[in-house]
Amino acid sequence: MVEDYSGLMSIYSKESPDLLRNAFDSILAQTILPKEFVCVLDGPIGLKLTEVVKWFKSECINRNIKIVFVKNPVNCGLGISLAEGLRACSYEYIGRFDSDDLNNPERMEVMLNYMLDCKINLNAVRTK
């Protein structure tokens, strides 16, 4: 089983701090945690979101998850931000997380196992 992967998320100023915190909680509850997490800050995000991001950074450090920040000086949009984030990822496998989604705790375990079982090159796997 593959256990080394990067997590990737883009965050911008219009996100809900509560939803972001819930999304981070669901990432930290994964049965297989990422080895690193890349957060793209798409422009200035404000104090409340910054506080949530700082909390997540602390939680990642406590779990030995390397955290990487990519900071766009202005809002560039999701596509450009994710492309920048991809370049910052260190691992072959990347789990893409949305800032307002709750993830099933087994999400990444299922996806990583599926990619190995298929024994083909996949660019994307989606779960429901």
Foldseek 3Di string as FASTA:
>chain_A
DDQEEEEEEEDEQVDDLVLLLQQLVLQLLAPRHYLEYEYEYQADHDDSNVVSVVVSCVVCVVVNRHYHYHYDNHHPDDVVRVVVRVVVIDDPHYHYTYSRDRDDNHVVVVVVVVVVVVPDDDPDDDDD
